[in-house]
Structures are given as structure tokens and as C-alpha cells.
PDB file of N, CA and C in Angstrom:
ATOM      1  N   MET A   1       1.294  -6.022  17.313  1.00  0.00           N
ATOM      2  CA  MET A   1       0.168  -6.908  17.437  1.00  0.00           C
ATOM      3  C   MET A   1       0.117  -7.796  16.196  1.00  0.00           C
ATOM      4  N   GLU A   2      -0.103  -9.073  16.409  1.00  0.00           N
ATOM      5  CA  GLU A   2      -0.205 -10.024  15.304  1.00  0.00           C
ATOM      6  C   GLU A   2      -1.455  -9.736  14.477  1.00  0.00           C
ATOM      7  N   ILE A   3      -1.408 -10.087  13.210  1.00  0.00           N
ATOM      8  CA  ILE A   3      -2.513  -9.814  12.299  1.00  0.00           C
ATOM      9  C   ILE A   3      -3.798 -10.500  12.753  1.00  0.00           C
ATOM     10  N   ILE A   4      -3.709 -11.749  13.185  1.00  0.00           N
ATOM     11  CA  ILE A   4      -4.900 -12.475  13.629  1.00  0.00           C
ATOM     12  C   ILE A   4      -5.519 -11.790  14.842  1.00  0.00           C
ATOM     13  N   GLN A   5      -4.687 -11.397  15.805  1.00  0.00           N
ATOM     14  CA  GLN A   5      -5.189 -10.683  16.981  1.00  0.00           C
ATOM     15  C   GLN A   5      -5.809  -9.353  16.584  1.00  0.00           C
ATOM     16  N   PHE A   6      -5.158  -8.641  15.676  1.00  0.00           N
ATOM     17  CA  PHE A   6      -5.658  -7.364  15.198  1.00  0.00           C
ATOM     18  C   PHE A   6      -7.032  -7.539  14.570  1.00  0.00           C
ATOM     19  N   ASN A   7      -7.159  -8.497  13.664  1.00  0.00           N
ATOM     20  CA  ASN A   7      -8.437  -8.738  12.993  1.00  0.00           C
ATOM     21  C   ASN A   7      -9.536  -9.079  13.994  1.00  0.00           C
ATOM     22  N   GLU A   8      -9.242  -9.963  14.927  1.00  0.00           N
ATOM     23  CA  GLU A   8     -10.230 -10.352  15.934  1.00  0.00           C
ATOM     24  C   GLU A   8     -10.645  -9.155  16.784  1.00  0.00           C
ATOM     25  N   PHE A   9      -9.684  -8.332  17.160  1.00  0.00           N
ATOM     26  CA  PHE A   9      -9.971  -7.166  17.980  1.00  0.00           C
ATOM     27  C   PHE A   9     -10.861  -6.166  17.238  1.00  0.00           C
ATOM     28  N   VAL A  10     -10.513  -5.865  15.991  1.00  0.00           N
ATOM     29  CA  VAL A  10     -11.277  -4.893  15.202  1.00  0.00           C
ATOM     30  C   VAL A  10     -12.688  -5.420  14.938  1.00  0.00           C
ATOM     31  N   ILE A  11     -12.820  -6.690  14.617  1.00  0.00           N
ATOM     32  CA  ILE A  11     -14.148  -7.271  14.392  1.00  0.00           C
ATOM     33  C   ILE A  11     -15.009  -7.131  15.642  1.00  0.00           C
ATOM     34  N   LYS A  12     -14.462  -7.427  16.794  1.00  0.00           N
ATOM     35  CA  LYS A  12     -15.216  -7.305  18.046  1.00  0.00           C
ATOM     36  C   LYS A  12     -15.633  -5.847  18.280  1.00  0.00           C
ATOM     37  N   LEU A  13     -14.716  -4.907  18.076  1.00  0.00           N
ATOM     38  CA  LEU A  13     -15.012  -3.493  18.272  1.00  0.00           C
ATOM     39  C   LEU A  13     -16.118  -3.033  17.317  1.00  0.00           C
ATOM     40  N   LEU A  14     -16.018  -3.381  16.039  1.00  0.00           N
ATOM     41  CA  LEU A  14     -17.031  -2.987  15.056  1.00  0.00           C
ATOM     42  C   LEU A  14     -18.381  -3.646  15.345  1.00  0.00           C
ATOM     43  N   ASN A  15     -18.360  -4.924  15.711  1.00  0.00           N
ATOM     44  CA  ASN A  15     -19.609  -5.620  16.062  1.00  0.00           C
ATOM     45  C   ASN A  15     -20.330  -4.890  17.187  1.00  0.00           C
ATOM     46  N   ASN A  16     -19.588  -4.525  18.221  1.00  0.00           N
ATOM     47  CA  ASN A  16     -20.182  -3.847  19.371  1.00  0.00           C
ATOM     48  C   ASN A  16     -20.655  -2.445  19.016  1.00  0.00           C
ATOM     49  N   LYS A  17     -19.881  -1.722  18.241  1.00  0.00           N
ATOM     50  CA  LYS A  17     -20.210  -0.329  17.924  1.00  0.00           C
ATOM     51  C   LYS A  17     -21.405  -0.206  16.981  1.00  0.00           C
ATOM     52  N   PHE A  18     -21.519  -1.111  16.017  1.00  0.00           N
ATOM     53  CA  PHE A  18     -22.556  -0.985  14.990  1.00  0.00           C
ATOM     54  C   PHE A  18     -23.649  -2.043  15.077  1.00  0.00           C
ATOM     55  N   GLY A  19     -23.533  -2.976  16.002  1.00  0.00           N
ATOM     56  CA  GLY A  19     -24.561  -4.000  16.140  1.00  0.00           C
ATOM     57  C   GLY A  19     -24.691  -4.881  14.911  1.00  0.00           C
ATOM     58  N   GLN A  20     -23.608  -5.073  14.213  1.00  0.00           N
ATOM     59  CA  GLN A  20     -23.565  -5.884  12.996  1.00  0.00           C
ATOM     60  C   GLN A  20     -22.593  -7.041  13.210  1.00  0.00           C
ATOM     61  N   SER A  21     -22.618  -7.986  12.309  1.00  0.00           N
ATOM     62  CA  SER A  21     -21.677  -9.091  12.329  1.00  0.00           C
ATOM     63  C   SER A  21     -20.634  -8.852  11.232  1.00  0.00           C
ATOM     64  N   PHE A  22     -19.454  -8.407  11.627  1.00  0.00           N
ATOM     65  CA  PHE A  22     -18.386  -8.094  10.674  1.00  0.00           C
ATOM     66  C   PHE A  22     -17.474  -9.282  10.462  1.00  0.00           C
ATOM     67  N   THR A  23     -16.924  -9.356   9.267  1.00  0.00           N
ATOM     68  CA  THR A  23     -15.902 -10.341   8.926  1.00  0.00           C
ATOM     69  C   THR A  23     -14.789  -9.612   8.190  1.00  0.00           C
ATOM     70  N   THR A  24     -13.647 -10.251   8.072  1.00  0.00           N
ATOM     71  CA  THR A  24     -12.577  -9.660   7.264  1.00  0.00           C
ATOM     72  C   THR A  24     -12.981  -9.777   5.802  1.00  0.00           C
ATOM     73  N   SER A  25     -12.510  -8.838   5.002  1.00  0.00           N
ATOM     74  CA  SER A  25     -12.803  -8.875   3.571  1.00  0.00           C
ATOM     75  C   SER A  25     -11.561  -8.435   2.810  1.00  0.00           C
ATOM     76  N   ASP A  26     -11.585  -8.642   1.536  1.00  0.00           N
ATOM     77  CA  ASP A  26     -10.433  -8.345   0.681  1.00  0.00           C
ATOM     78  C   ASP A  26     -10.768  -7.167  -0.237  1.00  0.00           C
ATOM     79  N   LEU A  27     -10.902  -5.972   0.358  1.00  0.00           N
ATOM     80  CA  LEU A  27     -11.266  -4.786  -0.412  1.00  0.00           C
ATOM     81  C   LEU A  27     -10.053  -3.990  -0.877  1.00  0.00           C
ATOM     82  N   SER A  28      -8.901  -4.207  -0.241  1.00  0.00           N
ATOM     83  CA  SER A  28      -7.729  -3.400  -0.552  1.00  0.00           C
ATOM     84  C   SER A  28      -6.464  -4.172  -0.215  1.00  0.00           C
ATOM     85  N   ASN A  29      -5.402  -3.897  -0.952  1.00  0.00           N
ATOM     86  CA  ASN A  29      -4.111  -4.517  -0.666  1.00  0.00           C
ATOM     87  C   ASN A  29      -3.320  -3.766   0.388  1.00  0.00           C
ATOM     88  N   ARG A  30      -3.667  -2.481   0.620  1.00  0.00           N
ATOM     89  CA  ARG A  30      -2.903  -1.654   1.551  1.00  0.00           C
ATOM     90  C   ARG A  30      -3.633  -1.392   2.861  1.00  0.00           C
ATOM     91  N   HIS A  31      -4.803  -1.986   2.996  1.00  0.00           N
ATOM     92  CA  HIS A  31      -5.604  -1.780   4.197  1.00  0.00           C
ATOM     93  C   HIS A  31      -6.171  -3.114   4.663  1.00  0.00           C
ATOM     94  N   TYR A  32      -6.463  -3.178   5.957  1.00  0.00           N
ATOM     95  CA  TYR A  32      -7.234  -4.297   6.483  1.00  0.00           C
ATOM     96  C   TYR A  32      -8.687  -3.894   6.378  1.00  0.00           C
ATOM     97  N   SER A  33      -9.502  -4.752   5.784  1.00  0.00           N
ATOM     98  CA  SER A  33     -10.889  -4.403   5.517  1.00  0.00           C
ATOM     99  C   SER A  33     -11.834  -5.338   6.249  1.00  0.00           C
ATOM    100  N   PHE A  34     -12.968  -4.765   6.653  1.00  0.00           N
ATOM    101  CA  PHE A  34     -13.971  -5.470   7.426  1.00  0.00           C
ATOM    102  C   PHE A  34     -15.338  -5.104   6.870  1.00  0.00           C
ATOM    103  N   SER A  35     -16.190  -6.113   6.680  1.00  0.00           N
ATOM    104  CA  SER A  35     -17.498  -5.877   6.073  1.00  0.00           C
ATOM    105  C   SER A  35     -18.596  -6.544   6.885  1.00  0.00           C
ATOM    106  N   SER A  36     -19.764  -5.912   6.819  1.00  0.00           N
ATOM    107  CA  SER A  36     -20.994  -6.501   7.339  1.00  0.00           C
ATOM    108  C   SER A  36     -22.030  -6.354   6.227  1.00  0.00           C
ATOM    109  N   THR A  37     -23.268  -6.662   6.519  1.00  0.00           N
ATOM    110  CA  THR A  37     -24.300  -6.520   5.492  1.00  0.00           C
ATOM    111  C   THR A  37     -24.555  -5.064   5.143  1.00  0.00           C
ATOM    112  N   GLU A  38     -24.194  -4.128   6.039  1.00  0.00           N
ATOM    113  CA  GLU A  38     -24.493  -2.714   5.808  1.00  0.00           C
ATOM    114  C   GLU A  38     -23.276  -1.788   5.719  1.00  0.00           C
ATOM    115  N   PHE A  39     -22.115  -2.257   6.159  1.00  0.00           N
ATOM    116  CA  PHE A  39     -20.956  -1.374   6.221  1.00  0.00           C
ATOM    117  C   PHE A  39     -19.700  -2.078   5.716  1.00  0.00           C
ATOM    118  N   ASP A  40     -18.787  -1.273   5.137  1.00  0.00           N
ATOM    119  CA  ASP A  40     -17.434  -1.723   4.814  1.00  0.00           C
ATOM    120  C   ASP A  40     -16.471  -0.688   5.396  1.00  0.00           C
ATOM    121  N   PHE A  41     -15.501  -1.164   6.155  1.00  0.00           N
ATOM    122  CA  PHE A  41     -14.474  -0.292   6.729  1.00  0.00           C
ATOM    123  C   PHE A  41     -13.107  -0.814   6.333  1.00  0.00           C
ATOM    124  N   SER A  42     -12.218   0.108   6.001  1.00  0.00           N
ATOM    125  CA  SER A  42     -10.830  -0.252   5.711  1.00  0.00           C
ATOM    126  C   SER A  42      -9.918   0.624   6.560  1.00  0.00           C
ATOM    127  N   PHE A  43      -8.962  -0.027   7.209  1.00  0.00           N
ATOM    128  CA  PHE A  43      -8.023   0.659   8.088  1.00  0.00           C
ATOM    129  C   PHE A  43      -6.603   0.390   7.612  1.00  0.00           C
ATOM    130  N   PRO A  44      -5.701   1.358   7.774  1.00  0.00           N
ATOM    131  CA  PRO A  44      -4.328   1.186   7.275  1.00  0.00           C
ATOM    132  C   PRO A  44      -3.581   0.057   7.988  1.00  0.00           C
ATOM    133  N   ILE A  45      -2.748  -0.603   7.230  1.00  0.00           N
ATOM    134  CA  ILE A  45      -1.950  -1.704   7.771  1.00  0.00           C
ATOM    135  C   ILE A  45      -1.080  -1.243   8.943  1.00  0.00           C
ATOM    136  N   ALA A  46      -0.671   0.023   8.933  1.00  0.00           N
ATOM    137  CA  ALA A  46       0.188   0.555   9.999  1.00  0.00           C
ATOM    138  C   ALA A  46      -0.452   0.463  11.378  1.00  0.00           C
ATOM    139  N   LEU A  47      -1.759   0.273  11.468  1.00  0.00           N
ATOM    140  CA  LEU A  47      -2.414   0.167  12.775  1.00  0.00           C
ATOM    141  C   LEU A  47      -1.931  -1.027  13.593  1.00  0.00           C
ATOM    142  N   THR A  48      -1.409  -2.039  12.929  1.00  0.00           N
ATOM    143  CA  THR A  48      -0.908  -3.194  13.678  1.00  0.00           C
ATOM    144  C   THR A  48       0.300  -2.822  14.532  1.00  0.00           C
ATOM    145  N   ASN A  49       0.896  -1.660  14.249  1.00  0.00           N
ATOM    146  CA  ASN A  49       2.040  -1.174  15.027  1.00  0.00           C
ATOM    147  C   ASN A  49       1.631  -0.144  16.072  1.00  0.00           C
ATOM    148  N   SER A  50       0.350  -0.047  16.361  1.00  0.00           N
ATOM    149  CA  SER A  50      -0.160   0.985  17.273  1.00  0.00           C
ATOM    150  C   SER A  50       0.043   0.668  18.748  1.00  0.00           C
ATOM    151  N   GLY A  51       0.612  -0.464  19.057  1.00  0.00           N
ATOM    152  CA  GLY A  51       0.773  -0.837  20.447  1.00  0.00           C
ATOM    153  C   GLY A  51      -0.227  -1.913  20.818  1.00  0.00           C
ATOM    154  N   GLY A  52      -0.600  -1.936  22.065  1.00  0.00           N
ATOM    155  CA  GLY A  52      -1.506  -2.961  22.565  1.00  0.00           C
ATOM    156  C   GLY A  52      -2.965  -2.658  22.278  1.00  0.00           C
ATOM    157  N   GLU A  53      -3.816  -3.502  22.852  1.00  0.00           N
ATOM    158  CA  GLU A  53      -5.245  -3.385  22.624  1.00  0.00           C
ATOM    159  C   GLU A  53      -5.806  -2.060  23.126  1.00  0.00           C
ATOM    160  N   SER A  54      -5.312  -1.583  24.239  1.00  0.00           N
ATOM    161  CA  SER A  54      -5.820  -0.333  24.804  1.00  0.00           C
ATOM    162  C   SER A  54      -5.562   0.845  23.861  1.00  0.00           C
ATOM    163  N   ALA A  55      -4.358   0.935  23.338  1.00  0.00           N
ATOM    164  CA  ALA A  55      -4.012   2.015  22.411  1.00  0.00           C
ATOM    165  C   ALA A  55      -4.814   1.892  21.121  1.00  0.00           C
ATOM    166  N   LEU A  56      -4.959   0.679  20.617  1.00  0.00           N
ATOM    167  CA  LEU A  56      -5.720   0.451  19.395  1.00  0.00           C
ATOM    168  C   LEU A  56      -7.194   0.782  19.612  1.00  0.00           C
ATOM    169  N   ASN A  57      -7.738   0.370  20.742  1.00  0.00           N
ATOM    170  CA  ASN A  57      -9.134   0.670  21.063  1.00  0.00           C
ATOM    171  C   ASN A  57      -9.367   2.177  21.109  1.00  0.00           C
ATOM    172  N   SER A  58      -8.487   2.888  21.770  1.00  0.00           N
ATOM    173  CA  SER A  58      -8.619   4.345  21.865  1.00  0.00           C
ATOM    174  C   SER A  58      -8.571   4.994  20.483  1.00  0.00           C
ATOM    175  N   LYS A  59      -7.615   4.570  19.682  1.00  0.00           N
ATOM    176  CA  LYS A  59      -7.446   5.166  18.354  1.00  0.00           C
ATOM    177  C   LYS A  59      -8.652   4.884  17.456  1.00  0.00           C
ATOM    178  N   LEU A  60      -9.061   3.624  17.362  1.00  0.00           N
ATOM    179  CA  LEU A  60     -10.176   3.278  16.491  1.00  0.00           C
ATOM    180  C   LEU A  60     -11.488   3.893  16.966  1.00  0.00           C
ATOM    181  N   THR A  61     -11.712   3.895  18.267  1.00  0.00           N
ATOM    182  CA  THR A  61     -12.930   4.502  18.803  1.00  0.00           C
ATOM    183  C   THR A  61     -12.960   5.987  18.487  1.00  0.00           C
ATOM    184  N   ARG A  62     -11.840   6.671  18.646  1.00  0.00           N
ATOM    185  CA  ARG A  62     -11.759   8.102  18.337  1.00  0.00           C
ATOM    186  C   ARG A  62     -12.018   8.344  16.848  1.00  0.00           C
ATOM    187  N   TRP A  63     -11.401   7.539  15.993  1.00  0.00           N
ATOM    188  CA  TRP A  63     -11.599   7.690  14.553  1.00  0.00           C
ATOM    189  C   TRP A  63     -13.062   7.489  14.172  1.00  0.00           C
ATOM    190  N   LEU A  64     -13.666   6.416  14.686  1.00  0.00           N
ATOM    191  CA  LEU A  64     -15.059   6.120  14.350  1.00  0.00           C
ATOM    192  C   LEU A  64     -16.005   7.177  14.909  1.00  0.00           C
ATOM    193  N   ASP A  65     -15.735   7.653  16.116  1.00  0.00           N
ATOM    194  CA  ASP A  65     -16.558   8.721  16.699  1.00  0.00           C
ATOM    195  C   ASP A  65     -16.442  10.005  15.888  1.00  0.00           C
ATOM    196  N   ASN A  66     -15.226  10.353  15.480  1.00  0.00           N
ATOM    197  CA  ASN A  66     -15.022  11.565  14.678  1.00  0.00           C
ATOM    198  C   ASN A  66     -15.706  11.475  13.310  1.00  0.00           C
ATOM    199  N   ALA A  67     -15.828  10.270  12.783  1.00  0.00           N
ATOM    200  CA  ALA A  67     -16.428  10.074  11.460  1.00  0.00           C
ATOM    201  C   ALA A  67     -17.918   9.740  11.539  1.00  0.00           C
ATOM    202  N   SER A  68     -18.483   9.713  12.732  1.00  0.00           N
ATOM    203  CA  SER A  68     -19.852   9.227  12.902  1.00  0.00           C
ATOM    204  C   SER A  68     -20.885   9.984  12.068  1.00  0.00           C
ATOM    205  N   GLU A  69     -20.667  11.261  11.828  1.00  0.00           N
ATOM    206  CA  GLU A  69     -21.627  12.021  11.021  1.00  0.00           C
ATOM    207  C   GLU A  69     -21.599  11.607   9.553  1.00  0.00           C
ATOM    208  N   LYS A  70     -20.489  11.055   9.108  1.00  0.00           N
ATOM    209  CA  LYS A  70     -20.357  10.629   7.710  1.00  0.00           C
ATOM    210  C   LYS A  70     -20.797   9.183   7.498  1.00  0.00           C
ATOM    211  N   ILE A  71     -20.770   8.376   8.546  1.00  0.00           N
ATOM    212  CA  ILE A  71     -21.020   6.942   8.415  1.00  0.00           C
ATOM    213  C   ILE A  71     -22.517   6.671   8.302  1.00  0.00           C
ATOM    214  N   GLU A  72     -22.888   6.075   7.178  1.00  0.00           N
ATOM    215  CA  GLU A  72     -24.271   5.680   6.912  1.00  0.00           C
ATOM    216  C   GLU A  72     -24.276   4.257   6.366  1.00  0.00           C
ATOM    217  N   SER A  73     -25.417   3.603   6.461  1.00  0.00           N
ATOM    218  CA  SER A  73     -25.550   2.250   5.923  1.00  0.00           C
ATOM    219  C   SER A  73     -25.201   2.218   4.448  1.00  0.00           C
ATOM    220  N   ASN A  74     -24.737   1.062   4.018  1.00  0.00           N
ATOM    221  CA  ASN A  74     -24.384   0.794   2.622  1.00  0.00           C
ATOM    222  C   ASN A  74     -23.253   1.671   2.111  1.00  0.00           C
ATOM    223  N   GLY A  75     -22.316   2.001   2.992  1.00  0.00           N
ATOM    224  CA  GLY A  75     -21.168   2.792   2.593  1.00  0.00           C
ATOM    225  C   GLY A  75     -19.863   2.057   2.840  1.00  0.00           C
ATOM    226  N   HIS A  76     -18.832   2.484   2.119  1.00  0.00           N
ATOM    227  CA  HIS A  76     -17.473   1.971   2.327  1.00  0.00           C
ATOM    228  C   HIS A  76     -16.647   3.132   2.844  1.00  0.00           C
ATOM    229  N   TYR A  77     -15.998   2.933   3.974  1.00  0.00           N
ATOM    230  CA  TYR A  77     -15.252   3.995   4.640  1.00  0.00           C
ATOM    231  C   TYR A  77     -13.805   3.578   4.769  1.00  0.00           C
ATOM    232  N   LEU A  78     -12.936   4.370   4.166  1.00  0.00           N
ATOM    233  CA  LEU A  78     -11.504   4.109   4.127  1.00  0.00           C
ATOM    234  C   LEU A  78     -10.810   5.130   5.023  1.00  0.00           C
ATOM    235  N   PHE A  79     -10.117   4.644   6.035  1.00  0.00           N
ATOM    236  CA  PHE A  79      -9.395   5.523   6.952  1.00  0.00           C
ATOM    237  C   PHE A  79      -7.920   5.547   6.576  1.00  0.00           C
ATOM    238  N   ASP A  80      -7.308   6.734   6.645  1.00  0.00           N
ATOM    239  CA  ASP A  80      -5.872   6.828   6.422  1.00  0.00           C
ATOM    240  C   ASP A  80      -5.147   6.781   7.770  1.00  0.00           C
ATOM    241  N   VAL A  81      -3.836   6.861   7.768  1.00  0.00           N
ATOM    242  CA  VAL A  81      -3.050   6.713   8.994  1.00  0.00           C
ATOM    243  C   VAL A  81      -3.281   7.830  10.007  1.00  0.00           C
ATOM    244  N   ASP A  82      -3.858   8.940   9.562  1.00  0.00           N
ATOM    245  CA  ASP A  82      -4.160  10.047  10.471  1.00  0.00           C
ATOM    246  C   ASP A  82      -5.590  10.019  10.973  1.00  0.00           C
ATOM    247  N   GLY A  83      -6.357   9.023  10.579  1.00  0.00           N
ATOM    248  CA  GLY A  83      -7.745   8.907  11.016  1.00  0.00           C
ATOM    249  C   GLY A  83      -8.731   9.652  10.158  1.00  0.00           C
ATOM    250  N   ASN A  84      -8.268  10.213   9.049  1.00  0.00           N
ATOM    251  CA  ASN A  84      -9.189  10.852   8.117  1.00  0.00           C
ATOM    252  C   ASN A  84      -9.962   9.768   7.385  1.00  0.00           C
ATOM    253  N   VAL A  85     -11.237  10.022   7.160  1.00  0.00           N
ATOM    254  CA  VAL A  85     -12.084   9.019   6.505  1.00  0.00           C
ATOM    255  C   VAL A  85     -12.461   9.483   5.105  1.00  0.00           C
ATOM    256  N   TRP A  86     -12.445   8.523   4.179  1.00  0.00           N
ATOM    257  CA  TRP A  86     -12.792   8.770   2.779  1.00  0.00           C
ATOM    258  C   TRP A  86     -13.899   7.814   2.394  1.00  0.00           C
ATOM    259  N   GLN A  87     -14.787   8.274   1.546  1.00  0.00           N
ATOM    260  CA  GLN A  87     -15.876   7.416   1.087  1.00  0.00           C
ATOM    261  C   GLN A  87     -15.642   7.019  -0.347  1.00  0.00           C
TER     262      GLN A  87
END
């Protein structure tokens, strides 16, 4: 998946999931980062190799659902390639 398509897809998914307006941000050199007024998320660059939109949607939704108990406003959440989340 191209980087532009990846960014657009992740922004749409995060906007829908959190009801926020996300944009790309420059929080890390090894991750793609997305920020809103209340949240910062960083995902590994390797996700662009996850296949199509369906596979990416499944993976990101699963990761975010698994981390939902940890995710709070005004936090930065860094995901590794296995879907583990770090604050």
C-alpha cells in the first residue's frame, strides 16, 4: 500500500473510532504518527506491507480494541509490529 493511501486510510479509521479529527504528525522517524487534539498514535512503518485495506482494517481495529483499556485522552500510544502498545 502506498504511503499516501495508508495515511488516508488510518486517518479515516481513527476519525471514525475516536470521533476526532486526526492528521499526520512527525512524532517518530520509525513510525507513522497521527494526532488529534486529544490523542497521538504511532504505528510501525511495516504496516504498509500488511496487504490491502481489509487486512489493514482488521489489524488496526484489533490492535486498538485490545488496547482500549489503556487508551485515554491526552496520551501518546506507540504500537509495535506485534500490536503491543506503549505509552
